[in-house]
Amino acid sequence: MKLAWSKNNKPEGQHPSREISRNVGQLLGRLDEIMPFIYIAQYGASDRELRERRTNEAAGLFAIGAQTGGDHPGVAPRVGLVLPINLCRDEKVRSTLLEIPALIDGTKNTTMSDRRRAVQAKLDDAFGGELMLEDREGLDGFFALKPGSGLFKRLHESFDYVISVLDNPTGVVHVTETSNFHWRSFGELMEWYHGLRGSDRFGGWSALTPFYVCGDTGVLHSYSTERWAR
């Protein structure tokens, strides 16, 4: 079985052009209006999580895929909360984080160490050391970060997250509703998230990871089994 996918910024026509009101599930349209954003999400997504459109309890848990490279390129989905940087209420933090995409694009001829230091400096300026690059993470348009203990208090003070959109598989995702980021700590967010979703089959809680997303997103078009969606 072959897994079909396409980039968020270049739909391949598997879906008809139609507007979809949703507050949960996979975002199928282009993410121009939303990027760049901080994405607090778990790795992997079930078939149900990709298909959902409306919920009364878990509004804002959107699935977004990260493009994968190598010999068999595809899409690795995540599920979580989308915090658009352009909605940040702290002007200094907002302007600093918005400089990162140009910094990544403009430093590809430098060493990875130089690029990492430059991006980390911007993260430090914005969050005072409360958000760090993962040690082995590359710098593309969709990279993982490591939260400090005070990150969620800062997000609570200044950030909103998306809870409703008007999606279009061959168009752009338009944000229709947002909410203040409610959670003051990682523990509070984990309790809410897993209070809705429960534990995994081994009785544990899947981790939530912050990502910085400014590109390299993709859409899964085959939902035949949950195995292919993870």
C-alpha atoms as a PDB file:
ATOM      1  CA  MET A   1       0.000   0.000   0.000  1.00  0.00           C
ATOM      2  CA  LYS A   2       1.335   3.426  -0.901  1.00  0.00           C
ATOM      3  CA  LEU A   3       0.807   6.431   1.346  1.00  0.00           C
ATOM      4  CA  ALA A   4      -0.309   9.453  -0.676  1.00  0.00           C
ATOM      5  CA  TRP A   5       0.620  12.916   0.464  1.00  0.00           C
ATOM      6  CA  SER A   6       1.186  16.426  -0.802  1.00  0.00           C
ATOM      7  CA  LYS A   7       2.646  19.684   0.463  1.00  0.00           C
ATOM      8  CA  ASN A   8       0.323  22.090   2.259  1.00  0.00           C
ATOM      9  CA  ASN A   9       1.480  24.816  -0.098  1.00  0.00           C
ATOM     10  CA  LYS A  10       0.869  22.803  -3.281  1.00  0.00           C
ATOM     11  CA  PRO A  11      -2.317  20.715  -3.195  1.00  0.00           C
ATOM     12  CA  GLU A  12      -2.335  17.823  -5.656  1.00  0.00           C
ATOM     13  CA  GLY A  13      -6.056  17.727  -6.370  1.00  0.00           C
ATOM     14  CA  GLN A  14      -7.062  14.700  -4.309  1.00  0.00           C
ATOM     15  CA  HIS A  15      -9.687  16.834  -2.568  1.00  0.00           C
ATOM     16  CA  PRO A  16     -12.385  18.926  -4.261  1.00  0.00           C
ATOM     17  CA  SER A  17     -12.420  22.675  -3.737  1.00  0.00           C
ATOM     18  CA  ARG A  18     -14.834  23.345  -0.898  1.00  0.00           C
ATOM     19  CA  GLU A  19     -14.828  25.292   2.354  1.00  0.00           C
ATOM     20  CA  ILE A  20     -14.838  23.221   5.532  1.00  0.00           C
ATOM     21  CA  SER A  21     -15.639  24.722   8.914  1.00  0.00           C
ATOM     22  CA  ARG A  22     -13.624  22.840  11.503  1.00  0.00           C
ATOM     23  CA  ASN A  23     -12.286  23.173  15.022  1.00  0.00           C
ATOM     24  CA  VAL A  24     -10.336  19.907  15.054  1.00  0.00           C
ATOM     25  CA  GLY A  25      -8.716  17.441  12.651  1.00  0.00           C
ATOM     26  CA  GLN A  26      -6.210  17.680   9.806  1.00  0.00           C
ATOM     27  CA  LEU A  27      -5.730  21.050   8.137  1.00  0.00           C
ATOM     28  CA  LEU A  28      -5.885  20.424   4.384  1.00  0.00           C
ATOM     29  CA  GLY A  29      -5.425  23.920   2.932  1.00  0.00           C
ATOM     30  CA  ARG A  30      -2.360  26.127   2.647  1.00  0.00           C
ATOM     31  CA  LEU A  31      -1.146  27.577   5.941  1.00  0.00           C
ATOM     32  CA  ASP A  32      -0.044  30.988   4.594  1.00  0.00           C
ATOM     33  CA  GLU A  33      -2.289  32.938   6.984  1.00  0.00           C
ATOM     34  CA  ILE A  34      -1.116  31.006  10.045  1.00  0.00           C
ATOM     35  CA  MET A  35       2.641  30.621   9.556  1.00  0.00           C
ATOM     36  CA  PRO A  36       4.953  31.009  11.249  1.00  0.00           C
ATOM     37  CA  PHE A  37       3.565  29.479  14.423  1.00  0.00           C
ATOM     38  CA  ILE A  38       4.503  27.627  17.565  1.00  0.00           C
ATOM     39  CA  TYR A  39       2.922  24.198  17.495  1.00  0.00           C
ATOM     40  CA  ILE A  40       2.601  22.278  20.780  1.00  0.00           C
ATOM     41  CA  ALA A  41       1.879  18.758  19.653  1.00  0.00           C
ATOM     42  CA  GLN A  42       2.409  15.052  20.058  1.00  0.00           C
ATOM     43  CA  TYR A  43       4.145  12.916  17.456  1.00  0.00           C
ATOM     44  CA  GLY A  44       1.703  10.753  15.489  1.00  0.00           C
ATOM     45  CA  ALA A  45      -2.022  10.895  14.743  1.00  0.00           C
ATOM     46  CA  SER A  46      -4.758   8.302  14.553  1.00  0.00           C
ATOM     47  CA  ASP A  47      -7.141   7.864  11.640  1.00  0.00           C
ATOM     48  CA  ARG A  48      -9.927   9.389  13.732  1.00  0.00           C
ATOM     49  CA  GLU A  49      -7.819  12.417  14.664  1.00  0.00           C
ATOM     50  CA  LEU A  50      -7.104  13.101  11.002  1.00  0.00           C
ATOM     51  CA  ARG A  51     -10.749  12.737   9.920  1.00  0.00           C
ATOM     52  CA  GLU A  52     -12.474  14.765  12.660  1.00  0.00           C
ATOM     53  CA  ARG A  53     -14.013  18.143  11.852  1.00  0.00           C
ATOM     54  CA  ARG A  54     -16.072  19.254  14.867  1.00  0.00           C
ATOM     55  CA  THR A  55     -15.811  18.687  18.608  1.00  0.00           C
ATOM     56  CA  ASN A  56     -17.329  20.198  21.734  1.00  0.00           C
ATOM     57  CA  GLU A  57     -14.481  19.241  24.075  1.00  0.00           C
ATOM     58  CA  ALA A  58     -11.187  19.400  22.177  1.00  0.00           C
ATOM     59  CA  ALA A  59     -11.459  22.531  20.033  1.00  0.00           C
ATOM     60  CA  GLY A  60      -8.058  23.556  18.674  1.00  0.00           C
ATOM     61  CA  LEU A  61      -6.400  20.146  18.450  1.00  0.00           C
ATOM     62  CA  PHE A  62      -5.372  20.299  14.800  1.00  0.00           C
ATOM     63  CA  ALA A  63      -3.338  17.704  12.898  1.00  0.00           C
ATOM     64  CA  ILE A  64      -0.474  19.035  10.762  1.00  0.00           C
ATOM     65  CA  GLY A  65       2.067  16.915   8.930  1.00  0.00           C
ATOM     66  CA  ALA A  66       5.813  17.479   8.756  1.00  0.00           C
ATOM     67  CA  GLN A  67       7.514  16.496   5.502  1.00  0.00           C
ATOM     68  CA  THR A  68      10.077  13.734   5.885  1.00  0.00           C
ATOM     69  CA  GLY A  69      13.070  13.179   3.631  1.00  0.00           C
ATOM     70  CA  GLY A  70      15.352  10.258   2.920  1.00  0.00           C
ATOM     71  CA  ASP A  71      14.780   7.478   0.413  1.00  0.00           C
ATOM     72  CA  HIS A  72      11.036   7.351   1.059  1.00  0.00           C
ATOM     73  CA  PRO A  73       9.763  10.917   1.564  1.00  0.00           C
ATOM     74  CA  GLY A  74       6.345  11.390   3.057  1.00  0.00           C
ATOM     75  CA  VAL A  75       4.476  13.112   5.857  1.00  0.00           C
ATOM     76  CA  ALA A  76       4.739  12.494   9.612  1.00  0.00           C
ATOM     77  CA  PRO A  77       1.584  13.847  11.291  1.00  0.00           C
ATOM     78  CA  ARG A  78       1.362  15.555  14.674  1.00  0.00           C
ATOM     79  CA  VAL A  79      -1.677  16.637  16.718  1.00  0.00           C
ATOM     80  CA  GLY A  80      -1.746  19.713  18.926  1.00  0.00           C
ATOM     81  CA  LEU A  81      -2.332  23.437  19.440  1.00  0.00           C
ATOM     82  CA  VAL A  82      -1.435  26.134  16.890  1.00  0.00           C
ATOM     83  CA  LEU A  83      -0.143  29.468  18.264  1.00  0.00           C
ATOM     84  CA  PRO A  84       0.340  31.940  15.380  1.00  0.00           C
ATOM     85  CA  ILE A  85       3.238  34.252  16.100  1.00  0.00           C
ATOM     86  CA  ASN A  86       1.522  37.223  14.442  1.00  0.00           C
ATOM     87  CA  LEU A  87      -1.152  37.039  17.180  1.00  0.00           C
ATOM     88  CA  CYS A  88       1.392  37.421  19.999  1.00  0.00           C
ATOM     89  CA  ARG A  89       0.466  40.443  22.128  1.00  0.00           C
ATOM     90  CA  ASP A  90       4.090  41.179  23.155  1.00  0.00           C
ATOM     91  CA  GLU A  91       5.548  43.286  20.335  1.00  0.00           C
ATOM     92  CA  LYS A  92       9.177  42.465  21.146  1.00  0.00           C
ATOM     93  CA  VAL A  93       8.558  38.727  21.290  1.00  0.00           C
ATOM     94  CA  ARG A  94       6.445  38.811  18.134  1.00  0.00           C
ATOM     95  CA  SER A  95       8.970  40.768  16.056  1.00  0.00           C
ATOM     96  CA  THR A  96      11.889  38.638  17.269  1.00  0.00           C
ATOM     97  CA  LEU A  97      10.227  35.319  16.451  1.00  0.00           C
ATOM     98  CA  LEU A  98       9.125  36.592  13.045  1.00  0.00           C
ATOM     99  CA  GLU A  99      12.804  37.072  12.122  1.00  0.00           C
ATOM    100  CA  ILE A 100      13.594  33.354  12.358  1.00  0.00           C
ATOM    101  CA  PRO A 101      12.325  32.201   8.897  1.00  0.00           C
ATOM    102  CA  ALA A 102      14.488  34.746   7.056  1.00  0.00           C
ATOM    103  CA  LEU A 103      17.410  33.834   9.301  1.00  0.00           C
ATOM    104  CA  ILE A 104      17.104  30.157   8.370  1.00  0.00           C
ATOM    105  CA  ASP A 105      16.791  30.888   4.641  1.00  0.00           C
ATOM    106  CA  GLY A 106      19.620  33.389   4.674  1.00  0.00           C
ATOM    107  CA  THR A 107      22.218  31.267   6.450  1.00  0.00           C
ATOM    108  CA  LYS A 108      22.178  28.004   4.500  1.00  0.00           C
ATOM    109  CA  ASN A 109      25.765  28.574   3.324  1.00  0.00           C
ATOM    110  CA  THR A 110      27.006  28.790   6.901  1.00  0.00           C
ATOM    111  CA  THR A 111      27.697  25.831   9.175  1.00  0.00           C
ATOM    112  CA  MET A 112      24.906  24.129  11.075  1.00  0.00           C
ATOM    113  CA  SER A 113      26.519  25.252  14.340  1.00  0.00           C
ATOM    114  CA  ASP A 114      26.420  28.900  13.230  1.00  0.00           C
ATOM    115  CA  ARG A 115      22.789  28.585  12.157  1.00  0.00           C
ATOM    116  CA  ARG A 116      21.802  26.951  15.426  1.00  0.00           C
ATOM    117  CA  ARG A 117      23.516  29.675  17.450  1.00  0.00           C
ATOM    118  CA  ALA A 118      21.762  32.397  15.452  1.00  0.00           C
ATOM    119  CA  VAL A 119      18.322  30.844  15.865  1.00  0.00           C
ATOM    120  CA  GLN A 120      18.920  30.098  19.550  1.00  0.00           C
ATOM    121  CA  ALA A 121      19.883  33.741  20.096  1.00  0.00           C
ATOM    122  CA  LYS A 122      16.493  34.805  18.724  1.00  0.00           C
ATOM    123  CA  LEU A 123      14.696  32.291  20.941  1.00  0.00           C
ATOM    124  CA  ASP A 124      16.652  33.592  23.940  1.00  0.00           C
ATOM    125  CA  ASP A 125      15.731  37.189  23.089  1.00  0.00           C
ATOM    126  CA  ALA A 126      12.069  36.204  22.907  1.00  0.00           C
ATOM    127  CA  PHE A 127      11.779  33.825  25.848  1.00  0.00           C
ATOM    128  CA  GLY A 128      14.779  34.503  28.083  1.00  0.00           C
ATOM    129  CA  GLY A 129      16.198  30.982  27.877  1.00  0.00           C
ATOM    130  CA  GLU A 130      12.843  29.213  28.321  1.00  0.00           C
ATOM    131  CA  LEU A 131      12.818  27.683  24.808  1.00  0.00           C
ATOM    132  CA  MET A 132      15.781  25.818  23.364  1.00  0.00           C
ATOM    133  CA  LEU A 133      16.646  23.940  20.205  1.00  0.00           C
ATOM    134  CA  GLU A 134      16.679  20.175  20.615  1.00  0.00           C
ATOM    135  CA  ASP A 135      20.259  18.885  20.574  1.00  0.00           C
ATOM    136  CA  ARG A 136      19.961  16.801  17.391  1.00  0.00           C
ATOM    137  CA  GLU A 137      17.279  18.792  15.597  1.00  0.00           C
ATOM    138  CA  GLY A 138      17.992  20.169  12.138  1.00  0.00           C
ATOM    139  CA  LEU A 139      16.874  23.596  10.989  1.00  0.00           C
ATOM    140  CA  ASP A 140      14.230  23.282   8.316  1.00  0.00           C
ATOM    141  CA  GLY A 141      10.763  24.771   8.323  1.00  0.00           C
ATOM    142  CA  PHE A 142       9.399  22.413  10.998  1.00  0.00           C
ATOM    143  CA  PHE A 143      11.742  21.824  13.934  1.00  0.00           C
ATOM    144  CA  ALA A 144      11.333  20.657  17.512  1.00  0.00           C
ATOM    145  CA  LEU A 145      12.163  22.715  20.592  1.00  0.00           C
ATOM    146  CA  LYS A 146      12.766  21.977  24.271  1.00  0.00           C
ATOM    147  CA  PRO A 147      10.663  23.947  26.803  1.00  0.00           C
ATOM    148  CA  GLY A 148      11.980  25.419  30.020  1.00  0.00           C
ATOM    149  CA  SER A 149       9.911  25.468  33.197  1.00  0.00           C
ATOM    150  CA  GLY A 150       8.722  29.052  32.625  1.00  0.00           C
ATOM    151  CA  LEU A 151       7.730  28.771  28.952  1.00  0.00           C
ATOM    152  CA  PHE A 152       4.048  28.101  29.488  1.00  0.00           C
ATOM    153  CA  LYS A 153       3.641  31.040  31.843  1.00  0.00           C
ATOM    154  CA  ARG A 154       5.044  33.256  29.056  1.00  0.00           C
ATOM    155  CA  LEU A 155       2.715  31.701  26.488  1.00  0.00           C
ATOM    156  CA  HIS A 156      -0.221  32.234  28.845  1.00  0.00           C
ATOM    157  CA  GLU A 157       0.669  35.920  29.200  1.00  0.00           C
ATOM    158  CA  SER A 158       1.103  36.783  25.512  1.00  0.00           C
ATOM    159  CA  PHE A 159      -0.142  34.124  23.082  1.00  0.00           C
ATOM    160  CA  ASP A 160      -3.438  32.994  21.571  1.00  0.00           C
ATOM    161  CA  TYR A 161      -4.159  29.656  19.937  1.00  0.00           C
ATOM    162  CA  VAL A 162      -6.465  28.805  17.040  1.00  0.00           C
ATOM    163  CA  ILE A 163      -9.740  27.098  17.938  1.00  0.00           C
ATOM    164  CA  SER A 164     -11.711  27.357  14.685  1.00  0.00           C
ATOM    165  CA  VAL A 165     -10.886  27.720  10.991  1.00  0.00           C
ATOM    166  CA  LEU A 166     -12.447  27.754   7.553  1.00  0.00           C
ATOM    167  CA  ASP A 167     -10.417  25.140   5.682  1.00  0.00           C
ATOM    168  CA  ASN A 168     -10.220  24.570   1.923  1.00  0.00           C
ATOM    169  CA  PRO A 169      -8.244  21.626   0.479  1.00  0.00           C
ATOM    170  CA  THR A 170      -7.346  23.640  -2.640  1.00  0.00           C
ATOM    171  CA  GLY A 171      -7.196  27.049  -0.975  1.00  0.00           C
ATOM    172  CA  VAL A 172      -5.999  28.725   2.193  1.00  0.00           C
ATOM    173  CA  VAL A 173      -6.860  27.980   5.821  1.00  0.00           C
ATOM    174  CA  HIS A 174      -8.573  31.054   7.300  1.00  0.00           C
ATOM    175  CA  VAL A 175      -8.644  31.507  11.086  1.00  0.00           C
ATOM    176  CA  THR A 176     -12.167  32.255  12.327  1.00  0.00           C
ATOM    177  CA  GLU A 177     -11.722  32.067  16.118  1.00  0.00           C
ATOM    178  CA  THR A 178      -8.895  32.132  18.640  1.00  0.00           C
ATOM    179  CA  SER A 179      -8.587  31.957  22.418  1.00  0.00           C
ATOM    180  CA  ASN A 180      -6.040  33.015  25.021  1.00  0.00           C
ATOM    181  CA  PHE A 181      -3.561  30.266  25.844  1.00  0.00           C
ATOM    182  CA  HIS A 182      -5.108  29.034  29.110  1.00  0.00           C
ATOM    183  CA  TRP A 183      -2.348  26.914  30.639  1.00  0.00           C
ATOM    184  CA  ARG A 184       0.273  28.378  32.992  1.00  0.00           C
ATOM    185  CA  SER A 185       2.461  25.252  33.156  1.00  0.00           C
ATOM    186  CA  PHE A 186       3.317  22.147  31.175  1.00  0.00           C
ATOM    187  CA  GLY A 187       1.569  20.053  33.832  1.00  0.00           C
ATOM    188  CA  GLU A 188      -1.698  21.964  33.430  1.00  0.00           C
ATOM    189  CA  LEU A 189      -1.619  21.454  29.665  1.00  0.00           C
ATOM    190  CA  MET A 190      -0.833  17.741  29.978  1.00  0.00           C
ATOM    191  CA  GLU A 191      -3.697  17.236  32.441  1.00  0.00           C
ATOM    192  CA  TRP A 192      -6.154  18.928  30.086  1.00  0.00           C
ATOM    193  CA  TYR A 193      -4.865  17.152  26.981  1.00  0.00           C
ATOM    194  CA  HIS A 194      -4.837  13.667  28.455  1.00  0.00           C
ATOM    195  CA  GLY A 195      -8.026  14.261  30.400  1.00  0.00           C
ATOM    196  CA  LEU A 196      -9.662  14.477  26.967  1.00  0.00           C
ATOM    197  CA  ARG A 197      -7.684  11.728  25.260  1.00  0.00           C
ATOM    198  CA  GLY A 198      -6.852   9.304  28.026  1.00  0.00           C
ATOM    199  CA  SER A 199      -3.691   7.204  28.268  1.00  0.00           C
ATOM    200  CA  ASP A 200      -2.026   5.152  25.560  1.00  0.00           C
ATOM    201  CA  ARG A 201      -2.355   1.368  25.443  1.00  0.00           C
ATOM    202  CA  PHE A 202       0.482   1.021  27.961  1.00  0.00           C
ATOM    203  CA  GLY A 203      -1.174   3.410  30.422  1.00  0.00           C
ATOM    204  CA  GLY A 204       1.222   6.281  29.744  1.00  0.00           C
ATOM    205  CA  TRP A 205       0.786   9.844  28.532  1.00  0.00           C
ATOM    206  CA  SER A 206       2.232  10.762  25.156  1.00  0.00           C
ATOM    207  CA  ALA A 207       4.600  13.716  25.348  1.00  0.00           C
ATOM    208  CA  LEU A 208       3.817  17.166  23.949  1.00  0.00           C
ATOM    209  CA  THR A 209       6.646  18.926  22.121  1.00  0.00           C
ATOM    210  CA  PRO A 210       6.868  22.581  21.023  1.00  0.00           C
ATOM    211  CA  PHE A 211       7.744  23.043  17.341  1.00  0.00           C
ATOM    212  CA  TYR A 212       8.580  26.161  15.361  1.00  0.00           C
ATOM    213  CA  VAL A 213       6.790  25.880  12.010  1.00  0.00           C
ATOM    214  CA  CYS A 214       7.416  28.157   9.035  1.00  0.00           C
ATOM    215  CA  GLY A 215       7.280  25.610   6.200  1.00  0.00           C
ATOM    216  CA  ASP A 216       7.838  21.965   5.202  1.00  0.00           C
ATOM    217  CA  THR A 217       4.279  20.964   6.028  1.00  0.00           C
ATOM    218  CA  GLY A 218       2.289  18.302   4.187  1.00  0.00           C
ATOM    219  CA  VAL A 219      -1.093  16.601   4.016  1.00  0.00           C
ATOM    220  CA  LEU A 220      -1.905  12.910   4.288  1.00  0.00           C
ATOM    221  CA  HIS A 221      -4.448  11.731   1.711  1.00  0.00           C
ATOM    222  CA  SER A 222      -4.752   8.057   2.687  1.00  0.00           C
ATOM    223  CA  TYR A 223      -6.586   7.166   5.889  1.00  0.00           C
ATOM    224  CA  SER A 224      -7.043   3.446   5.287  1.00  0.00           C
ATOM    225  CA  THR A 225      -5.495   2.290   8.553  1.00  0.00           C
ATOM    226  CA  GLU A 226      -4.363   3.878  11.779  1.00  0.00           C
ATOM    227  CA  ARG A 227      -0.923   2.319  11.242  1.00  0.00           C
ATOM    228  CA  TRP A 228      -0.331   4.499   8.172  1.00  0.00           C
ATOM    229  CA  ALA A 229      -1.374   7.613  10.094  1.00  0.00           C
ATOM    230  CA  ARG A 230       1.302   7.215  12.755  1.00  0.00           C
END
